[in-house]
Amino acid sequence: MPIITNLDVMMAKRKVSLKELAERIGISNTNLSLLKTGKVQGVRYKTLEAICRELDCQPGDILEYRAQDQSDGTEASE
């Protein structure tokens, strides 16, 4: 998938646990875990805004685009 979630990196930088962040932004641990591991198809702006507020970051700190090689579907090297 060309959209990479770096939520775990930002959480580590801010020393915030999954449970603590989930409580602060008002979503379940399960849903936040799925978002953190990139196993979701989308994220609400409201949720993204709350995460950025609590982690004092920008959306680009959490979400990253990586192009895929069109021939075989693998990520293109940088």
PDB file of N, CA and C in Angstrom:
ATOM      1  N   MET A   1       0.853  -1.180   0.000  1.00  0.00           N
ATOM      2  CA  MET A   1       0.000   0.000   0.000  1.00  0.00           C
ATOM      3  C   MET A   1       0.895   1.238   0.000  1.00  0.00           C
ATOM      4  N   PRO A   2       0.628   2.184  -0.869  1.00  0.00           N
ATOM      5  CA  PRO A   2       1.501   3.352  -0.977  1.00  0.00           C
ATOM      6  C   PRO A   2       1.374   4.376   0.152  1.00  0.00           C
ATOM      7  N   ILE A   3       0.354   4.291   0.986  1.00  0.00           N
ATOM      8  CA  ILE A   3       0.248   5.200   2.135  1.00  0.00           C
ATOM      9  C   ILE A   3       0.756   4.456   3.366  1.00  0.00           C
ATOM     10  N   ILE A   4       1.796   5.016   3.985  1.00  0.00           N
ATOM     11  CA  ILE A   4       2.435   4.408   5.152  1.00  0.00           C
ATOM     12  C   ILE A   4       2.054   5.217   6.384  1.00  0.00           C
ATOM     13  N   THR A   5       1.693   4.535   7.454  1.00  0.00           N
ATOM     14  CA  THR A   5       1.338   5.191   8.700  1.00  0.00           C
ATOM     15  C   THR A   5       2.533   5.159   9.639  1.00  0.00           C
ATOM     16  N   ASN A   6       2.974   6.337  10.063  1.00  0.00           N
ATOM     17  CA  ASN A   6       4.101   6.459  10.983  1.00  0.00           C
ATOM     18  C   ASN A   6       3.642   6.858  12.389  1.00  0.00           C
ATOM     19  N   LEU A   7       2.429   6.470  12.729  1.00  0.00           N
ATOM     20  CA  LEU A   7       1.883   6.825  14.035  1.00  0.00           C
ATOM     21  C   LEU A   7       2.732   6.257  15.165  1.00  0.00           C
ATOM     22  N   ASP A   8       3.212   5.037  15.011  1.00  0.00           N
ATOM     23  CA  ASP A   8       4.033   4.428  16.057  1.00  0.00           C
ATOM     24  C   ASP A   8       5.319   5.219  16.305  1.00  0.00           C
ATOM     25  N   VAL A   9       5.891   5.789  15.250  1.00  0.00           N
ATOM     26  CA  VAL A   9       7.104   6.600  15.372  1.00  0.00           C
ATOM     27  C   VAL A   9       6.824   7.864  16.182  1.00  0.00           C
ATOM     28  N   MET A  10       5.723   8.545  15.851  1.00  0.00           N
ATOM     29  CA  MET A  10       5.375   9.782  16.573  1.00  0.00           C
ATOM     30  C   MET A  10       5.024   9.484  18.023  1.00  0.00           C
ATOM     31  N   MET A  11       4.341   8.382  18.268  1.00  0.00           N
ATOM     32  CA  MET A  11       3.997   8.010  19.640  1.00  0.00           C
ATOM     33  C   MET A  11       5.264   7.745  20.448  1.00  0.00           C
ATOM     34  N   ALA A  12       6.241   7.089  19.840  1.00  0.00           N
ATOM     35  CA  ALA A  12       7.503   6.812  20.529  1.00  0.00           C
ATOM     36  C   ALA A  12       8.258   8.107  20.809  1.00  0.00           C
ATOM     37  N   LYS A  13       8.275   9.016  19.831  1.00  0.00           N
ATOM     38  CA  LYS A  13       8.961  10.300  20.020  1.00  0.00           C
ATOM     39  C   LYS A  13       8.350  11.095  21.165  1.00  0.00           C
ATOM     40  N   ARG A  14       7.029  11.004  21.308  1.00  0.00           N
ATOM     41  CA  ARG A  14       6.324  11.763  22.349  1.00  0.00           C
ATOM     42  C   ARG A  14       6.165  10.964  23.639  1.00  0.00           C
ATOM     43  N   LYS A  15       6.632   9.717  23.611  1.00  0.00           N
ATOM     44  CA  LYS A  15       6.542   8.820  24.768  1.00  0.00           C
ATOM     45  C   LYS A  15       5.098   8.671  25.260  1.00  0.00           C
ATOM     46  N   VAL A  16       4.210   8.379  24.303  1.00  0.00           N
ATOM     47  CA  VAL A  16       2.786   8.208  24.588  1.00  0.00           C
ATOM     48  C   VAL A  16       2.398   6.779  24.228  1.00  0.00           C
ATOM     49  N   SER A  17       1.733   6.095  25.129  1.00  0.00           N
ATOM     50  CA  SER A  17       1.302   4.715  24.865  1.00  0.00           C
ATOM     51  C   SER A  17       0.024   4.709  24.038  1.00  0.00           C
ATOM     52  N   LEU A  18      -0.242   3.561  23.432  1.00  0.00           N
ATOM     53  CA  LEU A  18      -1.459   3.389  22.652  1.00  0.00           C
ATOM     54  C   LEU A  18      -2.689   3.644  23.518  1.00  0.00           C
ATOM     55  N   LYS A  19      -2.691   3.062  24.701  1.00  0.00           N
ATOM     56  CA  LYS A  19      -3.829   3.214  25.612  1.00  0.00           C
ATOM     57  C   LYS A  19      -4.041   4.681  25.989  1.00  0.00           C
ATOM     58  N   GLU A  20      -2.955   5.367  26.315  1.00  0.00           N
ATOM     59  CA  GLU A  20      -3.054   6.778  26.713  1.00  0.00           C
ATOM     60  C   GLU A  20      -3.573   7.642  25.568  1.00  0.00           C
ATOM     61  N   LEU A  21      -3.046   7.446  24.366  1.00  0.00           N
ATOM     62  CA  LEU A  21      -3.494   8.243  23.225  1.00  0.00           C
ATOM     63  C   LEU A  21      -4.948   7.947  22.891  1.00  0.00           C
ATOM     64  N   ALA A  22      -5.333   6.670  22.932  1.00  0.00           N
ATOM     65  CA  ALA A  22      -6.729   6.296  22.653  1.00  0.00           C
ATOM     66  C   ALA A  22      -7.678   6.988  23.623  1.00  0.00           C
ATOM     67  N   GLU A  23      -7.317   7.025  24.900  1.00  0.00           N
ATOM     68  CA  GLU A  23      -8.156   7.694  25.897  1.00  0.00           C
ATOM     69  C   GLU A  23      -8.242   9.189  25.638  1.00  0.00           C
ATOM     70  N   ARG A  24      -7.109   9.805  25.302  1.00  0.00           N
ATOM     71  CA  ARG A  24      -7.071  11.254  25.056  1.00  0.00           C
ATOM     72  C   ARG A  24      -7.931  11.677  23.870  1.00  0.00           C
ATOM     73  N   ILE A  25      -7.944  10.849  22.813  1.00  0.00           N
ATOM     74  CA  ILE A  25      -8.685  11.251  21.616  1.00  0.00           C
ATOM     75  C   ILE A  25     -10.072  10.625  21.531  1.00  0.00           C
ATOM     76  N   GLY A  26     -10.370   9.734  22.466  1.00  0.00           N
ATOM     77  CA  GLY A  26     -11.729   9.192  22.539  1.00  0.00           C
ATOM     78  C   GLY A  26     -12.064   8.121  21.519  1.00  0.00           C
ATOM     79  N   ILE A  27     -11.092   7.248  21.189  1.00  0.00           N
ATOM     80  CA  ILE A  27     -11.405   6.098  20.350  1.00  0.00           C
ATOM     81  C   ILE A  27     -10.895   4.844  21.051  1.00  0.00           C
ATOM     82  N   SER A  28     -11.340   3.693  20.584  1.00  0.00           N
ATOM     83  CA  SER A  28     -10.953   2.444  21.238  1.00  0.00           C
ATOM     84  C   SER A  28      -9.492   2.103  20.956  1.00  0.00           C
ATOM     85  N   ASN A  29      -8.907   1.331  21.862  1.00  0.00           N
ATOM     86  CA  ASN A  29      -7.541   0.843  21.654  1.00  0.00           C
ATOM     87  C   ASN A  29      -7.446   0.054  20.351  1.00  0.00           C
ATOM     88  N   THR A  30      -8.469  -0.745  20.081  1.00  0.00           N
ATOM     89  CA  THR A  30      -8.482  -1.579  18.881  1.00  0.00           C
ATOM     90  C   THR A  30      -8.432  -0.733  17.620  1.00  0.00           C
ATOM     91  N   ASN A  31      -9.279   0.300  17.550  1.00  0.00           N
ATOM     92  CA  ASN A  31      -9.300   1.146  16.357  1.00  0.00           C
ATOM     93  C   ASN A  31      -7.997   1.909  16.188  1.00  0.00           C
ATOM     94  N   LEU A  32      -7.426   2.398  17.286  1.00  0.00           N
ATOM     95  CA  LEU A  32      -6.156   3.109  17.196  1.00  0.00           C
ATOM     96  C   LEU A  32      -5.041   2.147  16.785  1.00  0.00           C
ATOM     97  N   SER A  33      -5.065   0.923  17.283  1.00  0.00           N
ATOM     98  CA  SER A  33      -4.077  -0.080  16.905  1.00  0.00           C
ATOM     99  C   SER A  33      -4.164  -0.394  15.412  1.00  0.00           C
ATOM    100  N   LEU A  34      -5.367  -0.534  14.902  1.00  0.00           N
ATOM    101  CA  LEU A  34      -5.551  -0.786  13.468  1.00  0.00           C
ATOM    102  C   LEU A  34      -5.014   0.375  12.634  1.00  0.00           C
ATOM    103  N   LEU A  35      -5.242   1.588  13.093  1.00  0.00           N
ATOM    104  CA  LEU A  35      -4.719   2.764  12.402  1.00  0.00           C
ATOM    105  C   LEU A  35      -3.194   2.770  12.453  1.00  0.00           C
ATOM    106  N   LYS A  36      -2.650   2.476  13.615  1.00  0.00           N
ATOM    107  CA  LYS A  36      -1.198   2.472  13.811  1.00  0.00           C
ATOM    108  C   LYS A  36      -0.506   1.461  12.897  1.00  0.00           C
ATOM    109  N   THR A  37      -1.127   0.316  12.688  1.00  0.00           N
ATOM    110  CA  THR A  37      -0.524  -0.725  11.864  1.00  0.00           C
ATOM    111  C   THR A  37      -0.880  -0.600  10.384  1.00  0.00           C
ATOM    112  N   GLY A  38      -1.668   0.398  10.030  1.00  0.00           N
ATOM    113  CA  GLY A  38      -2.005   0.624   8.627  1.00  0.00           C
ATOM    114  C   GLY A  38      -3.056  -0.317   8.080  1.00  0.00           C
ATOM    115  N   LYS A  39      -3.839  -0.923   8.957  1.00  0.00           N
ATOM    116  CA  LYS A  39      -4.847  -1.891   8.528  1.00  0.00           C
ATOM    117  C   LYS A  39      -6.233  -1.269   8.387  1.00  0.00           C
ATOM    118  N   VAL A  40      -6.276   0.002   8.065  1.00  0.00           N
ATOM    119  CA  VAL A  40      -7.555   0.690   7.850  1.00  0.00           C
ATOM    120  C   VAL A  40      -7.587   1.238   6.431  1.00  0.00           C
ATOM    121  N   GLN A  41      -8.780   1.458   5.924  1.00  0.00           N
ATOM    122  CA  GLN A  41      -8.940   2.001   4.582  1.00  0.00           C
ATOM    123  C   GLN A  41      -9.035   3.524   4.581  1.00  0.00           C
ATOM    124  N   GLY A  42      -9.274   4.109   5.741  1.00  0.00           N
ATOM    125  CA  GLY A  42      -9.393   5.557   5.819  1.00  0.00           C
ATOM    126  C   GLY A  42      -9.366   6.020   7.261  1.00  0.00           C
ATOM    127  N   VAL A  43      -9.247   7.324   7.406  1.00  0.00           N
ATOM    128  CA  VAL A  43      -9.247   7.930   8.736  1.00  0.00           C
ATOM    129  C   VAL A  43     -10.047   9.223   8.646  1.00  0.00           C
ATOM    130  N   ARG A  44     -10.875   9.462   9.638  1.00  0.00           N
ATOM    131  CA  ARG A  44     -11.674  10.692   9.664  1.00  0.00           C
ATOM    132  C   ARG A  44     -10.774  11.873   9.987  1.00  0.00           C
ATOM    133  N   TYR A  45     -11.065  13.002   9.373  1.00  0.00           N
ATOM    134  CA  TYR A  45     -10.304  14.218   9.669  1.00  0.00           C
ATOM    135  C   TYR A  45     -10.377  14.561  11.152  1.00  0.00           C
ATOM    136  N   LYS A  46     -11.524  14.316  11.758  1.00  0.00           N
ATOM    137  CA  LYS A  46     -11.689  14.594  13.182  1.00  0.00           C
ATOM    138  C   LYS A  46     -10.702  13.772  14.012  1.00  0.00           C
ATOM    139  N   THR A  47     -10.521  12.509  13.648  1.00  0.00           N
ATOM    140  CA  THR A  47      -9.580  11.646  14.352  1.00  0.00           C
ATOM    141  C   THR A  47      -8.146  12.091  14.096  1.00  0.00           C
ATOM    142  N   LEU A  48      -7.837  12.400  12.847  1.00  0.00           N
ATOM    143  CA  LEU A  48      -6.497  12.871  12.496  1.00  0.00           C
ATOM    144  C   LEU A  48      -6.174  14.174  13.221  1.00  0.00           C
ATOM    145  N   GLU A  49      -7.145  15.066  13.289  1.00  0.00           N
ATOM    146  CA  GLU A  49      -6.969  16.335  14.007  1.00  0.00           C
ATOM    147  C   GLU A  49      -6.678  16.087  15.492  1.00  0.00           C
ATOM    148  N   ALA A  50      -7.414  15.176  16.104  1.00  0.00           N
ATOM    149  CA  ALA A  50      -7.218  14.875  17.528  1.00  0.00           C
ATOM    150  C   ALA A  50      -5.842  14.261  17.771  1.00  0.00           C
ATOM    151  N   ILE A  51      -5.415  13.375  16.888  1.00  0.00           N
ATOM    152  CA  ILE A  51      -4.092  12.763  17.027  1.00  0.00           C
ATOM    153  C   ILE A  51      -3.015  13.831  16.916  1.00  0.00           C
ATOM    154  N   CYS A  52      -3.122  14.698  15.919  1.00  0.00           N
ATOM    155  CA  CYS A  52      -2.132  15.761  15.730  1.00  0.00           C
ATOM    156  C   CYS A  52      -2.114  16.718  16.920  1.00  0.00           C
ATOM    157  N   ARG A  53      -3.271  17.014  17.451  1.00  0.00           N
ATOM    158  CA  ARG A  53      -3.346  17.893  18.625  1.00  0.00           C
ATOM    159  C   ARG A  53      -2.628  17.262  19.808  1.00  0.00           C
ATOM    160  N   GLU A  54      -2.906  15.994  20.078  1.00  0.00           N
ATOM    161  CA  GLU A  54      -2.344  15.323  21.249  1.00  0.00           C
ATOM    162  C   GLU A  54      -0.856  15.023  21.100  1.00  0.00           C
ATOM    163  N   LEU A  55      -0.395  14.779  19.874  1.00  0.00           N
ATOM    164  CA  LEU A  55       1.015  14.472  19.659  1.00  0.00           C
ATOM    165  C   LEU A  55       1.814  15.705  19.232  1.00  0.00           C
ATOM    166  N   ASP A  56       1.133  16.844  19.100  1.00  0.00           N
ATOM    167  CA  ASP A  56       1.771  18.098  18.684  1.00  0.00           C
ATOM    168  C   ASP A  56       2.585  17.876  17.407  1.00  0.00           C
ATOM    169  N   CYS A  57       1.869  17.444  16.360  1.00  0.00           N
ATOM    170  CA  CYS A  57       2.527  17.156  15.087  1.00  0.00           C
ATOM    171  C   CYS A  57       1.615  17.558  13.931  1.00  0.00           C
ATOM    172  N   GLN A  58       2.091  17.368  12.735  1.00  0.00           N
ATOM    173  CA  GLN A  58       1.342  17.639  11.511  1.00  0.00           C
ATOM    174  C   GLN A  58       0.891  16.320  10.890  1.00  0.00           C
ATOM    175  N   PRO A  59      -0.177  16.328  10.066  1.00  0.00           N
ATOM    176  CA  PRO A  59      -0.617  15.093   9.415  1.00  0.00           C
ATOM    177  C   PRO A  59       0.500  14.402   8.626  1.00  0.00           C
ATOM    178  N   GLY A  60       1.381  15.181   8.023  1.00  0.00           N
ATOM    179  CA  GLY A  60       2.496  14.612   7.271  1.00  0.00           C
ATOM    180  C   GLY A  60       3.514  13.889   8.134  1.00  0.00           C
ATOM    181  N   ASP A  61       3.494  14.145   9.438  1.00  0.00           N
ATOM    182  CA  ASP A  61       4.370  13.416  10.352  1.00  0.00           C
ATOM    183  C   ASP A  61       3.848  12.001  10.590  1.00  0.00           C
ATOM    184  N   ILE A  62       2.565  11.805  10.337  1.00  0.00           N
ATOM    185  CA  ILE A  62       1.904  10.532  10.613  1.00  0.00           C
ATOM    186  C   ILE A  62       1.683   9.712   9.343  1.00  0.00           C
ATOM    187  N   LEU A  63       1.329  10.393   8.256  1.00  0.00           N
ATOM    188  CA  LEU A  63       1.022   9.712   6.993  1.00  0.00           C
ATOM    189  C   LEU A  63       2.079  10.033   5.948  1.00  0.00           C
ATOM    190  N   GLU A  64       2.485   9.018   5.200  1.00  0.00           N
ATOM    191  CA  GLU A  64       3.542   9.174   4.194  1.00  0.00           C
ATOM    192  C   GLU A  64       3.136   8.432   2.931  1.00  0.00           C
ATOM    193  N   TYR A  65       3.417   9.024   1.788  1.00  0.00           N
ATOM    194  CA  TYR A  65       3.152   8.373   0.508  1.00  0.00           C
ATOM    195  C   TYR A  65       4.443   7.792  -0.043  1.00  0.00           C
ATOM    196  N   ARG A  66       4.409   6.514  -0.423  1.00  0.00           N
ATOM    197  CA  ARG A  66       5.539   5.865  -1.097  1.00  0.00           C
ATOM    198  C   ARG A  66       5.027   5.254  -2.390  1.00  0.00           C
ATOM    199  N   ALA A  67       5.603   5.665  -3.490  1.00  0.00           N
ATOM    200  CA  ALA A  67       5.184   5.162  -4.799  1.00  0.00           C
ATOM    201  C   ALA A  67       5.490   3.680  -4.920  1.00  0.00           C
ATOM    202  N   GLN A  68       4.647   2.978  -5.676  1.00  0.00           N
ATOM    203  CA  GLN A  68       4.873   1.562  -5.946  1.00  0.00           C
ATOM    204  C   GLN A  68       5.363   1.403  -7.371  1.00  0.00           C
ATOM    205  N   ASP A  69       6.204   0.407  -7.590  1.00  0.00           N
ATOM    206  CA  ASP A  69       6.656   0.058  -8.927  1.00  0.00           C
ATOM    207  C   ASP A  69       5.448  -0.511  -9.667  1.00  0.00           C
ATOM    208  N   GLN A  70       5.094   0.062 -10.792  1.00  0.00           N
ATOM    209  CA  GLN A  70       3.899  -0.351 -11.531  1.00  0.00           C
ATOM    210  C   GLN A  70       4.002  -1.773 -12.092  1.00  0.00           C
ATOM    211  N   SER A  71       5.204  -2.261 -12.361  1.00  0.00           N
ATOM    212  CA  SER A  71       5.345  -3.567 -13.009  1.00  0.00           C
ATOM    213  C   SER A  71       5.071  -4.741 -12.077  1.00  0.00           C
ATOM    214  N   ASP A  72       5.493  -4.625 -10.808  1.00  0.00           N
ATOM    215  CA  ASP A  72       5.320  -5.778  -9.916  1.00  0.00           C
ATOM    216  C   ASP A  72       4.589  -5.463  -8.616  1.00  0.00           C
ATOM    217  N   GLY A  73       4.203  -4.194  -8.413  1.00  0.00           N
ATOM    218  CA  GLY A  73       3.434  -3.828  -7.235  1.00  0.00           C
ATOM    219  C   GLY A  73       4.260  -3.621  -5.985  1.00  0.00           C
ATOM    220  N   THR A  74       5.593  -3.731  -6.086  1.00  0.00           N
ATOM    221  CA  THR A  74       6.438  -3.504  -4.916  1.00  0.00           C
ATOM    222  C   THR A  74       6.769  -2.031  -4.787  1.00  0.00           C
ATOM    223  N   GLU A  75       7.213  -1.649  -3.596  1.00  0.00           N
ATOM    224  CA  GLU A  75       7.575  -0.266  -3.372  1.00  0.00           C
ATOM    225  C   GLU A  75       8.820   0.072  -4.162  1.00  0.00           C
ATOM    226  N   ALA A  76       8.805   1.249  -4.788  1.00  0.00           N
ATOM    227  CA  ALA A  76       9.961   1.703  -5.551  1.00  0.00           C
ATOM    228  C   ALA A  76      11.051   2.160  -4.588  1.00  0.00           C
ATOM    229  N   SER A  77      12.290   1.870  -4.912  1.00  0.00           N
ATOM    230  CA  SER A  77      13.386   2.311  -4.050  1.00  0.00           C
ATOM    231  C   SER A  77      13.619   3.798  -4.256  1.00  0.00           C
ATOM    232  N   GLU A  78      14.114   4.414  -3.184  1.00  0.00           N
ATOM    233  CA  GLU A  78      14.318   5.866  -3.247  1.00  0.00           C
ATOM    234  C   GLU A  78      15.743   6.201  -3.588  1.00  0.00           C
TER     235      GLU A  78
END
